[in-house]
Amino acid sequence: MKKDHIRFWLLFTLSIAISAVVISFFVEALKIVLYIILVLALAPIVYIILRSIIPGRKKGSDKLGTRE
């Protein structure tokens, strides 16, 4: 009976430790996925803001003339 008791506590402790490791890996993967989603969502907004701030549009005199 004592051997079963020790085996139970050993398996219980091991299962808690393995669960903690798996959960920590899951949280890290979730952070990475959330970071990628936020970057992809904010990239167009940042692009539009930068495009409006930084002048770089061509003026009418820069256009090529039409062929006659």
PDB file of N, CA and C in Angstrom:
ATOM      1  N   MET A   1       0.819  -1.186   0.000  1.00  0.00           N
ATOM      2  CA  MET A   1       0.000   0.000   0.000  1.00  0.00           C
ATOM      3  C   MET A   1       0.869   1.258   0.000  1.00  0.00           C
ATOM      4  N   LYS A   2       1.975   1.230   0.715  1.00  0.00           N
ATOM      5  CA  LYS A   2       2.836   2.398   0.782  1.00  0.00           C
ATOM      6  C   LYS A   2       3.475   2.680  -0.574  1.00  0.00           C
ATOM      7  N   LYS A   3       3.779   1.619  -1.319  1.00  0.00           N
ATOM      8  CA  LYS A   3       4.374   1.781  -2.638  1.00  0.00           C
ATOM      9  C   LYS A   3       3.382   2.469  -3.588  1.00  0.00           C
ATOM     10  N   ASP A   4       2.109   2.107  -3.483  1.00  0.00           N
ATOM     11  CA  ASP A   4       1.081   2.743  -4.312  1.00  0.00           C
ATOM     12  C   ASP A   4       0.923   4.212  -3.951  1.00  0.00           C
ATOM     13  N   HIS A   5       1.042   4.532  -2.679  1.00  0.00           N
ATOM     14  CA  HIS A   5       0.916   5.907  -2.211  1.00  0.00           C
ATOM     15  C   HIS A   5       2.050   6.772  -2.774  1.00  0.00           C
ATOM     16  N   ILE A   6       3.268   6.251  -2.728  1.00  0.00           N
ATOM     17  CA  ILE A   6       4.427   6.983  -3.256  1.00  0.00           C
ATOM     18  C   ILE A   6       4.303   7.124  -4.765  1.00  0.00           C
ATOM     19  N   ARG A   7       3.862   6.077  -5.424  1.00  0.00           N
ATOM     20  CA  ARG A   7       3.692   6.130  -6.879  1.00  0.00           C
ATOM     21  C   ARG A   7       2.644   7.165  -7.262  1.00  0.00           C
ATOM     22  N   PHE A   8       1.551   7.240  -6.516  1.00  0.00           N
ATOM     23  CA  PHE A   8       0.511   8.224  -6.796  1.00  0.00           C
ATOM     24  C   PHE A   8       1.068   9.646  -6.708  1.00  0.00           C
ATOM     25  N   TRP A   9       1.787   9.958  -5.621  1.00  0.00           N
ATOM     26  CA  TRP A   9       2.308  11.298  -5.442  1.00  0.00           C
ATOM     27  C   TRP A   9       3.383  11.626  -6.462  1.00  0.00           C
ATOM     28  N   LEU A  10       4.170  10.649  -6.839  1.00  0.00           N
ATOM     29  CA  LEU A  10       5.180  10.865  -7.877  1.00  0.00           C
ATOM     30  C   LEU A  10       4.528  11.181  -9.210  1.00  0.00           C
ATOM     31  N   LEU A  11       3.527  10.392  -9.606  1.00  0.00           N
ATOM     32  CA  LEU A  11       2.823  10.653 -10.861  1.00  0.00           C
ATOM     33  C   LEU A  11       2.061  11.977 -10.815  1.00  0.00           C
ATOM     34  N   PHE A  12       1.482  12.300  -9.674  1.00  0.00           N
ATOM     35  CA  PHE A  12       0.757  13.553  -9.515  1.00  0.00           C
ATOM     36  C   PHE A  12       1.693  14.754  -9.678  1.00  0.00           C
ATOM     37  N   THR A  13       2.867  14.687  -9.033  1.00  0.00           N
ATOM     38  CA  THR A  13       3.843  15.770  -9.136  1.00  0.00           C
ATOM     39  C   THR A  13       4.373  15.894 -10.562  1.00  0.00           C
ATOM     40  N   LEU A  14       4.660  14.767 -11.184  1.00  0.00           N
ATOM     41  CA  LEU A  14       5.141  14.780 -12.565  1.00  0.00           C
ATOM     42  C   LEU A  14       4.095  15.354 -13.515  1.00  0.00           C
ATOM     43  N   SER A  15       2.847  14.997 -13.326  1.00  0.00           N
ATOM     44  CA  SER A  15       1.801  15.505 -14.209  1.00  0.00           C
ATOM     45  C   SER A  15       1.609  17.009 -14.048  1.00  0.00           C
ATOM     46  N   ILE A  16       1.738  17.520 -12.824  1.00  0.00           N
ATOM     47  CA  ILE A  16       1.640  18.966 -12.610  1.00  0.00           C
ATOM     48  C   ILE A  16       2.816  19.680 -13.278  1.00  0.00           C
ATOM     49  N   ALA A  17       4.011  19.142 -13.143  1.00  0.00           N
ATOM     50  CA  ALA A  17       5.190  19.760 -13.748  1.00  0.00           C
ATOM     51  C   ALA A  17       5.095  19.767 -15.270  1.00  0.00           C
ATOM     52  N   ILE A  18       4.690  18.645 -15.849  1.00  0.00           N
ATOM     53  CA  ILE A  18       4.559  18.563 -17.306  1.00  0.00           C
ATOM     54  C   ILE A  18       3.458  19.491 -17.792  1.00  0.00           C
ATOM     55  N   SER A  19       2.368  19.587 -17.056  1.00  0.00           N
ATOM     56  CA  SER A  19       1.287  20.501 -17.424  1.00  0.00           C
ATOM     57  C   SER A  19       1.763  21.950 -17.394  1.00  0.00           C
ATOM     58  N   ALA A  20       2.548  22.313 -16.403  1.00  0.00           N
ATOM     59  CA  ALA A  20       3.066  23.681 -16.319  1.00  0.00           C
ATOM     60  C   ALA A  20       3.970  24.000 -17.501  1.00  0.00           C
ATOM     61  N   VAL A  21       4.802  23.051 -17.905  1.00  0.00           N
ATOM     62  CA  VAL A  21       5.682  23.263 -19.058  1.00  0.00           C
ATOM     63  C   VAL A  21       4.861  23.417 -20.330  1.00  0.00           C
ATOM     64  N   VAL A  22       3.867  22.566 -20.524  1.00  0.00           N
ATOM     65  CA  VAL A  22       3.030  22.639 -21.720  1.00  0.00           C
ATOM     66  C   VAL A  22       2.264  23.960 -21.760  1.00  0.00           C
ATOM     67  N   ILE A  23       1.739  24.392 -20.626  1.00  0.00           N
ATOM     68  CA  ILE A  23       0.998  25.652 -20.577  1.00  0.00           C
ATOM     69  C   ILE A  23       1.922  26.834 -20.865  1.00  0.00           C
ATOM     70  N   SER A  24       3.146  26.795 -20.355  1.00  0.00           N
ATOM     71  CA  SER A  24       4.073  27.905 -20.629  1.00  0.00           C
ATOM     72  C   SER A  24       4.427  27.965 -22.111  1.00  0.00           C
ATOM     73  N   PHE A  25       4.621  26.818 -22.761  1.00  0.00           N
ATOM     74  CA  PHE A  25       4.865  26.825 -24.203  1.00  0.00           C
ATOM     75  C   PHE A  25       3.648  27.331 -24.965  1.00  0.00           C
ATOM     76  N   PHE A  26       2.463  26.965 -24.524  1.00  0.00           N
ATOM     77  CA  PHE A  26       1.241  27.430 -25.169  1.00  0.00           C
ATOM     78  C   PHE A  26       1.092  28.940 -25.040  1.00  0.00           C
ATOM     79  N   VAL A  27       1.415  29.477 -23.872  1.00  0.00           N
ATOM     80  CA  VAL A  27       1.322  30.926 -23.661  1.00  0.00           C
ATOM     81  C   VAL A  27       2.331  31.660 -24.539  1.00  0.00           C
ATOM     82  N   GLU A  28       3.538  31.132 -24.654  1.00  0.00           N
ATOM     83  CA  GLU A  28       4.539  31.756 -25.510  1.00  0.00           C
ATOM     84  C   GLU A  28       4.095  31.732 -26.974  1.00  0.00           C
ATOM     85  N   ALA A  29       3.549  30.616 -27.423  1.00  0.00           N
ATOM     86  CA  ALA A  29       3.060  30.533 -28.798  1.00  0.00           C
ATOM     87  C   ALA A  29       1.898  31.494 -29.010  1.00  0.00           C
ATOM     88  N   LEU A  30       1.050  31.631 -28.016  1.00  0.00           N
ATOM     89  CA  LEU A  30      -0.081  32.550 -28.107  1.00  0.00           C
ATOM     90  C   LEU A  30       0.405  33.992 -28.185  1.00  0.00           C
ATOM     91  N   LYS A  31       1.443  34.341 -27.442  1.00  0.00           N
ATOM     92  CA  LYS A  31       2.011  35.685 -27.507  1.00  0.00           C
ATOM     93  C   LYS A  31       2.563  35.975 -28.898  1.00  0.00           C
ATOM     94  N   ILE A  32       3.239  35.000 -29.476  1.00  0.00           N
ATOM     95  CA  ILE A  32       3.813  35.197 -30.810  1.00  0.00           C
ATOM     96  C   ILE A  32       2.708  35.385 -31.847  1.00  0.00           C
ATOM     97  N   VAL A  33       1.670  34.570 -31.776  1.00  0.00           N
ATOM     98  CA  VAL A  33       0.562  34.691 -32.718  1.00  0.00           C
ATOM     99  C   VAL A  33      -0.142  36.032 -32.540  1.00  0.00           C
ATOM    100  N   LEU A  34      -0.359  36.464 -31.315  1.00  0.00           N
ATOM    101  CA  LEU A  34      -0.996  37.751 -31.058  1.00  0.00           C
ATOM    102  C   LEU A  34      -0.137  38.894 -31.581  1.00  0.00           C
ATOM    103  N   TYR A  35       1.168  38.808 -31.420  1.00  0.00           N
ATOM    104  CA  TYR A  35       2.073  39.824 -31.927  1.00  0.00           C
ATOM    105  C   TYR A  35       1.986  39.909 -33.450  1.00  0.00           C
ATOM    106  N   ILE A  36       1.967  38.767 -34.119  1.00  0.00           N
ATOM    107  CA  ILE A  36       1.873  38.759 -35.587  1.00  0.00           C
ATOM    108  C   ILE A  36       0.553  39.351 -36.044  1.00  0.00           C
ATOM    109  N   ILE A  37      -0.539  39.007 -35.381  1.00  0.00           N
ATOM    110  CA  ILE A  37      -1.850  39.541 -35.757  1.00  0.00           C
ATOM    111  C   ILE A  37      -1.885  41.057 -35.579  1.00  0.00           C
ATOM    112  N   LEU A  38      -1.344  41.551 -34.462  1.00  0.00           N
ATOM    113  CA  LEU A  38      -1.328  42.997 -34.237  1.00  0.00           C
ATOM    114  C   LEU A  38      -0.459  43.724 -35.249  1.00  0.00           C
ATOM    115  N   VAL A  39       0.674  43.153 -35.602  1.00  0.00           N
ATOM    116  CA  VAL A  39       1.533  43.780 -36.608  1.00  0.00           C
ATOM    117  C   VAL A  39       0.824  43.832 -37.949  1.00  0.00           C
ATOM    118  N   LEU A  40       0.180  42.754 -38.337  1.00  0.00           N
ATOM    119  CA  LEU A  40      -0.530  42.741 -39.615  1.00  0.00           C
ATOM    120  C   LEU A  40      -1.730  43.679 -39.610  1.00  0.00           C
ATOM    121  N   ALA A  41      -2.350  43.873 -38.470  1.00  0.00           N
ATOM    122  CA  ALA A  41      -3.502  44.769 -38.396  1.00  0.00           C
ATOM    123  C   ALA A  41      -3.072  46.231 -38.395  1.00  0.00           C
ATOM    124  N   LEU A  42      -1.940  46.545 -37.768  1.00  0.00           N
ATOM    125  CA  LEU A  42      -1.503  47.931 -37.659  1.00  0.00           C
ATOM    126  C   LEU A  42      -0.656  48.400 -38.837  1.00  0.00           C
ATOM    127  N   ALA A  43      -0.108  47.498 -39.618  1.00  0.00           N
ATOM    128  CA  ALA A  43       0.755  47.886 -40.728  1.00  0.00           C
ATOM    129  C   ALA A  43       0.049  48.796 -41.747  1.00  0.00           C
ATOM    130  N   PRO A  44      -1.180  48.501 -42.179  1.00  0.00           N
ATOM    131  CA  PRO A  44      -1.836  49.415 -43.123  1.00  0.00           C
ATOM    132  C   PRO A  44      -2.108  50.795 -42.531  1.00  0.00           C
ATOM    133  N   ILE A  45      -2.433  50.865 -41.262  1.00  0.00           N
ATOM    134  CA  ILE A  45      -2.698  52.149 -40.610  1.00  0.00           C
ATOM    135  C   ILE A  45      -1.422  52.981 -40.551  1.00  0.00           C
ATOM    136  N   VAL A  46      -0.324  52.356 -40.168  1.00  0.00           N
ATOM    137  CA  VAL A  46       0.962  53.054 -40.110  1.00  0.00           C
ATOM    138  C   VAL A  46       1.379  53.490 -41.509  1.00  0.00           C
ATOM    139  N   TYR A  47       1.153  52.659 -42.506  1.00  0.00           N
ATOM    140  CA  TYR A  47       1.495  53.006 -43.888  1.00  0.00           C
ATOM    141  C   TYR A  47       0.718  54.238 -44.343  1.00  0.00           C
ATOM    142  N   ILE A  48      -0.575  54.275 -44.060  1.00  0.00           N
ATOM    143  CA  ILE A  48      -1.397  55.420 -44.474  1.00  0.00           C
ATOM    144  C   ILE A  48      -0.937  56.696 -43.756  1.00  0.00           C
ATOM    145  N   ILE A  49      -0.638  56.589 -42.479  1.00  0.00           N
ATOM    146  CA  ILE A  49      -0.167  57.758 -41.728  1.00  0.00           C
ATOM    147  C   ILE A  49       1.164  58.262 -42.279  1.00  0.00           C
ATOM    148  N   LEU A  50       2.094  57.345 -42.524  1.00  0.00           N
ATOM    149  CA  LEU A  50       3.393  57.753 -43.058  1.00  0.00           C
ATOM    150  C   LEU A  50       3.270  58.325 -44.468  1.00  0.00           C
ATOM    151  N   ARG A  51       2.386  57.760 -45.268  1.00  0.00           N
ATOM    152  CA  ARG A  51       2.198  58.265 -46.629  1.00  0.00           C
ATOM    153  C   ARG A  51       1.649  59.685 -46.607  1.00  0.00           C
ATOM    154  N   SER A  52       0.797  60.000 -45.641  1.00  0.00           N
ATOM    155  CA  SER A  52       0.252  61.349 -45.569  1.00  0.00           C
ATOM    156  C   SER A  52       1.257  62.332 -44.969  1.00  0.00           C
ATOM    157  N   ILE A  53       2.166  61.870 -44.124  1.00  0.00           N
ATOM    158  CA  ILE A  53       3.146  62.758 -43.501  1.00  0.00           C
ATOM    159  C   ILE A  53       4.318  63.045 -44.432  1.00  0.00           C
ATOM    160  N   ILE A  54       4.845  62.025 -45.066  1.00  0.00           N
ATOM    161  CA  ILE A  54       6.046  62.168 -45.887  1.00  0.00           C
ATOM    162  C   ILE A  54       5.636  62.567 -47.302  1.00  0.00           C
ATOM    163  N   PRO A  55       6.090  63.736 -47.776  1.00  0.00           N
ATOM    164  CA  PRO A  55       5.743  64.135 -49.144  1.00  0.00           C
ATOM    165  C   PRO A  55       6.569  63.335 -50.140  1.00  0.00           C
ATOM    166  N   GLY A  56       5.921  62.866 -51.160  1.00  0.00           N
ATOM    167  CA  GLY A  56       6.640  62.091 -52.153  1.00  0.00           C
ATOM    168  C   GLY A  56       5.833  61.923 -53.430  1.00  0.00           C
ATOM    169  N   ARG A  57       4.769  62.670 -53.537  1.00  0.00           N
ATOM    170  CA  ARG A  57       3.943  62.554 -54.730  1.00  0.00           C
ATOM    171  C   ARG A  57       4.544  63.369 -55.862  1.00  0.00           C
ATOM    172  N   LYS A  58       4.374  62.858 -57.054  1.00  0.00           N
ATOM    173  CA  LYS A  58       4.881  63.565 -58.224  1.00  0.00           C
ATOM    174  C   LYS A  58       3.927  64.692 -58.579  1.00  0.00           C
ATOM    175  N   LYS A  59       4.499  65.761 -59.064  1.00  0.00           N
ATOM    176  CA  LYS A  59       3.686  66.893 -59.490  1.00  0.00           C
ATOM    177  C   LYS A  59       3.333  66.737 -60.953  1.00  0.00           C
ATOM    178  N   GLY A  60       2.469  67.577 -61.438  1.00  0.00           N
ATOM    179  CA  GLY A  60       2.016  67.494 -62.832  1.00  0.00           C
ATOM    180  C   GLY A  60       3.132  67.667 -63.836  1.00  0.00           C
ATOM    181  N   SER A  61       4.160  68.442 -63.508  1.00  0.00           N
ATOM    182  CA  SER A  61       5.260  68.678 -64.437  1.00  0.00           C
ATOM    183  C   SER A  61       6.164  67.449 -64.565  1.00  0.00           C
ATOM    184  N   ASP A  62       6.068  66.522 -63.646  1.00  0.00           N
ATOM    185  CA  ASP A  62       6.904  65.331 -63.695  1.00  0.00           C
ATOM    186  C   ASP A  62       6.341  64.246 -64.611  1.00  0.00           C
ATOM    187  N   LYS A  63       5.108  64.398 -65.038  1.00  0.00           N
ATOM    188  CA  LYS A  63       4.481  63.369 -65.858  1.00  0.00           C
ATOM    189  C   LYS A  63       5.051  63.395 -67.268  1.00  0.00           C
ATOM    190  N   LEU A  64       5.056  62.253 -67.901  1.00  0.00           N
ATOM    191  CA  LEU A  64       5.508  62.159 -69.275  1.00  0.00           C
ATOM    192  C   LEU A  64       4.458  62.763 -70.195  1.00  0.00           C
ATOM    193  N   GLY A  65       4.927  63.367 -71.234  1.00  0.00           N
ATOM    194  CA  GLY A  65       3.987  63.948 -72.200  1.00  0.00           C
ATOM    195  C   GLY A  65       3.365  62.868 -73.068  1.00  0.00           C
ATOM    196  N   THR A  66       2.218  63.151 -73.625  1.00  0.00           N
ATOM    197  CA  THR A  66       1.553  62.170 -74.497  1.00  0.00           C
ATOM    198  C   THR A  66       2.126  62.250 -75.893  1.00  0.00           C
ATOM    199  N   ARG A  67       2.106  61.177 -76.586  1.00  0.00           N
ATOM    200  CA  ARG A  67       2.624  61.106 -77.937  1.00  0.00           C
ATOM    201  C   ARG A  67       1.577  61.649 -78.902  1.00  0.00           C
ATOM    202  N   GLU A  68       2.017  62.445 -79.868  1.00  0.00           N
ATOM    203  CA  GLU A  68       1.070  63.019 -80.828  1.00  0.00           C
ATOM    204  C   GLU A  68       1.119  62.324 -82.148  1.00  0.00           C
TER     205      GLU A  68
END
